[in-house]
Amino acid sequence: MNDIVFEKLVHKAVKEIPREFLEKLENVTILVEDFPTHYQIERLKERNLRGFLLGLYEGVPQIRRGRYGIGGQIPDKITIFRRPILAIARDVEHLKEIIKDTVIHEIAHHFGFSEEQIKKAKR
């Protein structure tokens, strides 16, 4: 699957998020990359997090933010990793499901949800 089609699926997944959540996204950029960078992997290892990485939230969760003050703040970043997702997708419908779940998962981190809270909410 080429990059453009994959990115369109990511944008579609973002648009399908309920409006009340989309309106509360604040200062966050959503990107697509093939794989995590060496730096991203090392940062996760430092936090004793390992595994097959489909997406990554980097930033300050909304619940931990103070006022930004004068000047702009660098946007938070959500990265969706194309190659790992393609590696586990059985077909196009499964691919769409994985992308949507990954986007929702990383946006939940933006709002301040932990891994445990996200898992609990999925039940």
C-alpha atoms as a PDB file:
ATOM      1  CA  MET A   1       0.000   0.000   0.000  1.00  0.00           C
ATOM      2  CA  ASN A   2       1.417   3.363  -0.909  1.00  0.00           C
ATOM      3  CA  ASP A   3       1.952   6.207   1.551  1.00  0.00           C
ATOM      4  CA  ILE A   4      -0.867   8.400   0.211  1.00  0.00           C
ATOM      5  CA  VAL A   5      -3.563   5.730   0.607  1.00  0.00           C
ATOM      6  CA  PHE A   6      -2.347   4.865   4.110  1.00  0.00           C
ATOM      7  CA  GLU A   7      -2.322   8.533   5.151  1.00  0.00           C
ATOM      8  CA  LYS A   8      -5.871   8.931   3.828  1.00  0.00           C
ATOM      9  CA  LEU A   9      -6.950   6.022   6.033  1.00  0.00           C
ATOM     10  CA  VAL A  10      -5.333   7.725   9.040  1.00  0.00           C
ATOM     11  CA  HIS A  11      -7.087  11.031   8.256  1.00  0.00           C
ATOM     12  CA  LYS A  12     -10.384   9.177   7.850  1.00  0.00           C
ATOM     13  CA  ALA A  13      -9.884   7.514  11.237  1.00  0.00           C
ATOM     14  CA  VAL A  14      -9.280  10.935  12.817  1.00  0.00           C
ATOM     15  CA  LYS A  15     -12.427  12.372  11.219  1.00  0.00           C
ATOM     16  CA  GLU A  16     -14.489   9.461  12.589  1.00  0.00           C
ATOM     17  CA  ILE A  17     -13.630  10.349  16.185  1.00  0.00           C
ATOM     18  CA  PRO A  18     -16.671  11.851  17.932  1.00  0.00           C
ATOM     19  CA  ARG A  19     -16.843  15.623  17.608  1.00  0.00           C
ATOM     20  CA  GLU A  20     -16.746  16.229  21.368  1.00  0.00           C
ATOM     21  CA  PHE A  21     -13.260  14.691  21.454  1.00  0.00           C
ATOM     22  CA  LEU A  22     -11.999  16.276  18.227  1.00  0.00           C
ATOM     23  CA  GLU A  23     -12.985  19.723  19.480  1.00  0.00           C
ATOM     24  CA  LYS A  24     -10.869  19.156  22.601  1.00  0.00           C
ATOM     25  CA  LEU A  25      -7.696  18.188  20.760  1.00  0.00           C
ATOM     26  CA  GLU A  26      -5.264  20.926  21.595  1.00  0.00           C
ATOM     27  CA  ASN A  27      -1.948  21.700  19.949  1.00  0.00           C
ATOM     28  CA  VAL A  28      -1.331  18.198  18.558  1.00  0.00           C
ATOM     29  CA  THR A  29      -0.013  17.063  15.189  1.00  0.00           C
ATOM     30  CA  ILE A  30      -0.716  13.622  13.745  1.00  0.00           C
ATOM     31  CA  LEU A  31       1.954  12.195  11.432  1.00  0.00           C
ATOM     32  CA  VAL A  32       2.605   8.953   9.580  1.00  0.00           C
ATOM     33  CA  GLU A  33       6.089   7.456   9.478  1.00  0.00           C
ATOM     34  CA  ASP A  34       7.291   4.061   8.269  1.00  0.00           C
ATOM     35  CA  PHE A  35       8.995   3.056  11.536  1.00  0.00           C
ATOM     36  CA  PRO A  36       9.858   4.585  14.919  1.00  0.00           C
ATOM     37  CA  THR A  37      13.172   6.403  15.015  1.00  0.00           C
ATOM     38  CA  HIS A  38      16.111   5.130  17.040  1.00  0.00           C
ATOM     39  CA  TYR A  39      15.527   8.032  19.447  1.00  0.00           C
ATOM     40  CA  GLN A  40      11.857   7.068  19.955  1.00  0.00           C
ATOM     41  CA  ILE A  41      12.766   3.450  20.636  1.00  0.00           C
ATOM     42  CA  GLU A  42      15.485   4.435  23.116  1.00  0.00           C
ATOM     43  CA  ARG A  43      13.103   6.764  24.978  1.00  0.00           C
ATOM     44  CA  LEU A  44      10.622   3.902  25.378  1.00  0.00           C
ATOM     45  CA  LYS A  45      13.353   1.562  26.619  1.00  0.00           C
ATOM     46  CA  GLU A  46      14.301   4.148  29.253  1.00  0.00           C
ATOM     47  CA  ARG A  47      10.719   3.888  30.545  1.00  0.00           C
ATOM     48  CA  ASN A  48      10.870   0.059  30.416  1.00  0.00           C
ATOM     49  CA  LEU A  49       8.332  -0.040  27.593  1.00  0.00           C
ATOM     50  CA  ARG A  50       8.860  -2.608  24.899  1.00  0.00           C
ATOM     51  CA  GLY A  51       6.781  -4.245  22.242  1.00  0.00           C
ATOM     52  CA  PHE A  52       5.506  -3.879  18.739  1.00  0.00           C
ATOM     53  CA  LEU A  53       4.960  -0.147  18.273  1.00  0.00           C
ATOM     54  CA  LEU A  54       2.011   0.870  16.077  1.00  0.00           C
ATOM     55  CA  GLY A  55       1.740   4.459  17.260  1.00  0.00           C
ATOM     56  CA  LEU A  56       3.335   6.869  19.695  1.00  0.00           C
ATOM     57  CA  TYR A  57       2.198   9.965  21.585  1.00  0.00           C
ATOM     58  CA  GLU A  58       4.929  12.451  22.468  1.00  0.00           C
ATOM     59  CA  GLY A  59       4.078  15.543  24.439  1.00  0.00           C
ATOM     60  CA  VAL A  60       2.506  16.824  27.614  1.00  0.00           C
ATOM     61  CA  PRO A  61      -0.924  15.293  28.244  1.00  0.00           C
ATOM     62  CA  GLN A  62      -3.701  17.844  28.651  1.00  0.00           C
ATOM     63  CA  ILE A  63      -4.299  16.907  32.294  1.00  0.00           C
ATOM     64  CA  ARG A  64      -0.694  17.836  33.149  1.00  0.00           C
ATOM     65  CA  ARG A  65      -0.549  21.134  31.302  1.00  0.00           C
ATOM     66  CA  GLY A  66      -0.436  24.535  32.868  1.00  0.00           C
ATOM     67  CA  ARG A  67      -0.967  27.716  30.992  1.00  0.00           C
ATOM     68  CA  TYR A  68       1.305  27.999  27.992  1.00  0.00           C
ATOM     69  CA  GLY A  69       2.141  31.612  28.758  1.00  0.00           C
ATOM     70  CA  ILE A  70       3.675  33.954  26.236  1.00  0.00           C
ATOM     71  CA  GLY A  71       4.674  32.538  22.887  1.00  0.00           C
ATOM     72  CA  GLY A  72       3.798  29.295  21.222  1.00  0.00           C
ATOM     73  CA  GLN A  73       4.300  25.811  22.550  1.00  0.00           C
ATOM     74  CA  ILE A  74       5.746  23.092  20.332  1.00  0.00           C
ATOM     75  CA  PRO A  75       2.815  20.858  19.351  1.00  0.00           C
ATOM     76  CA  ASP A  76       2.398  17.432  20.852  1.00  0.00           C
ATOM     77  CA  LYS A  77       3.017  14.721  18.300  1.00  0.00           C
ATOM     78  CA  ILE A  78       1.155  11.535  17.518  1.00  0.00           C
ATOM     79  CA  THR A  79       2.978   9.282  15.087  1.00  0.00           C
ATOM     80  CA  ILE A  80       1.285   6.345  13.391  1.00  0.00           C
ATOM     81  CA  PHE A  81       3.778   3.748  12.137  1.00  0.00           C
ATOM     82  CA  ARG A  82       2.831   2.430   8.718  1.00  0.00           C
ATOM     83  CA  ARG A  83       5.099  -0.613   8.308  1.00  0.00           C
ATOM     84  CA  PRO A  84       4.308  -2.330  11.633  1.00  0.00           C
ATOM     85  CA  ILE A  85       0.583  -1.816  11.034  1.00  0.00           C
ATOM     86  CA  LEU A  86       0.813  -3.206   7.502  1.00  0.00           C
ATOM     87  CA  ALA A  87       2.782  -6.177   8.836  1.00  0.00           C
ATOM     88  CA  ILE A  88      -0.060  -7.323  11.092  1.00  0.00           C
ATOM     89  CA  ALA A  89      -3.094  -6.386   8.990  1.00  0.00           C
ATOM     90  CA  ARG A  90      -4.829  -9.415   7.496  1.00  0.00           C
ATOM     91  CA  ASP A  91      -6.784  -7.431   4.899  1.00  0.00           C
ATOM     92  CA  VAL A  92      -7.981  -3.907   4.159  1.00  0.00           C
ATOM     93  CA  GLU A  93     -10.838  -4.031   6.662  1.00  0.00           C
ATOM     94  CA  HIS A  94      -8.503  -5.226   9.417  1.00  0.00           C
ATOM     95  CA  LEU A  95      -6.046  -2.491   8.400  1.00  0.00           C
ATOM     96  CA  LYS A  96      -8.740   0.168   8.832  1.00  0.00           C
ATOM     97  CA  GLU A  97      -9.620  -1.257  12.253  1.00  0.00           C
ATOM     98  CA  ILE A  98      -5.985  -1.259  13.411  1.00  0.00           C
ATOM     99  CA  ILE A  99      -5.458   2.309  12.219  1.00  0.00           C
ATOM    100  CA  LYS A 100      -8.628   3.518  13.956  1.00  0.00           C
ATOM    101  CA  ASP A 101      -7.737   1.730  17.214  1.00  0.00           C
ATOM    102  CA  THR A 102      -4.191   3.113  17.114  1.00  0.00           C
ATOM    103  CA  VAL A 103      -5.350   6.686  16.456  1.00  0.00           C
ATOM    104  CA  ILE A 104      -7.878   6.484  19.309  1.00  0.00           C
ATOM    105  CA  HIS A 105      -5.263   4.943  21.622  1.00  0.00           C
ATOM    106  CA  GLU A 106      -2.732   7.720  20.993  1.00  0.00           C
ATOM    107  CA  ILE A 107      -5.346  10.481  21.282  1.00  0.00           C
ATOM    108  CA  ALA A 108      -6.341   8.982  24.635  1.00  0.00           C
ATOM    109  CA  HIS A 109      -2.726   9.488  25.752  1.00  0.00           C
ATOM    110  CA  HIS A 110      -3.009  13.131  24.606  1.00  0.00           C
ATOM    111  CA  PHE A 111      -5.943  13.499  26.999  1.00  0.00           C
ATOM    112  CA  GLY A 112      -3.890  11.930  29.789  1.00  0.00           C
ATOM    113  CA  PHE A 113      -5.056   8.298  29.820  1.00  0.00           C
ATOM    114  CA  SER A 114      -2.485   5.716  30.907  1.00  0.00           C
ATOM    115  CA  GLU A 115      -2.050   2.334  29.200  1.00  0.00           C
ATOM    116  CA  GLU A 116      -4.017   0.714  32.011  1.00  0.00           C
ATOM    117  CA  GLN A 117      -6.875   3.213  31.720  1.00  0.00           C
ATOM    118  CA  ILE A 118      -7.067   2.722  27.956  1.00  0.00           C
ATOM    119  CA  LYS A 119      -7.182  -1.068  28.332  1.00  0.00           C
ATOM    120  CA  LYS A 120      -9.898  -0.752  30.968  1.00  0.00           C
ATOM    121  CA  ALA A 121     -11.966   1.579  28.757  1.00  0.00           C
ATOM    122  CA  LYS A 122     -11.833  -0.922  25.871  1.00  0.00           C
ATOM    123  CA  ARG A 123     -13.498  -3.647  27.944  1.00  0.00           C
END
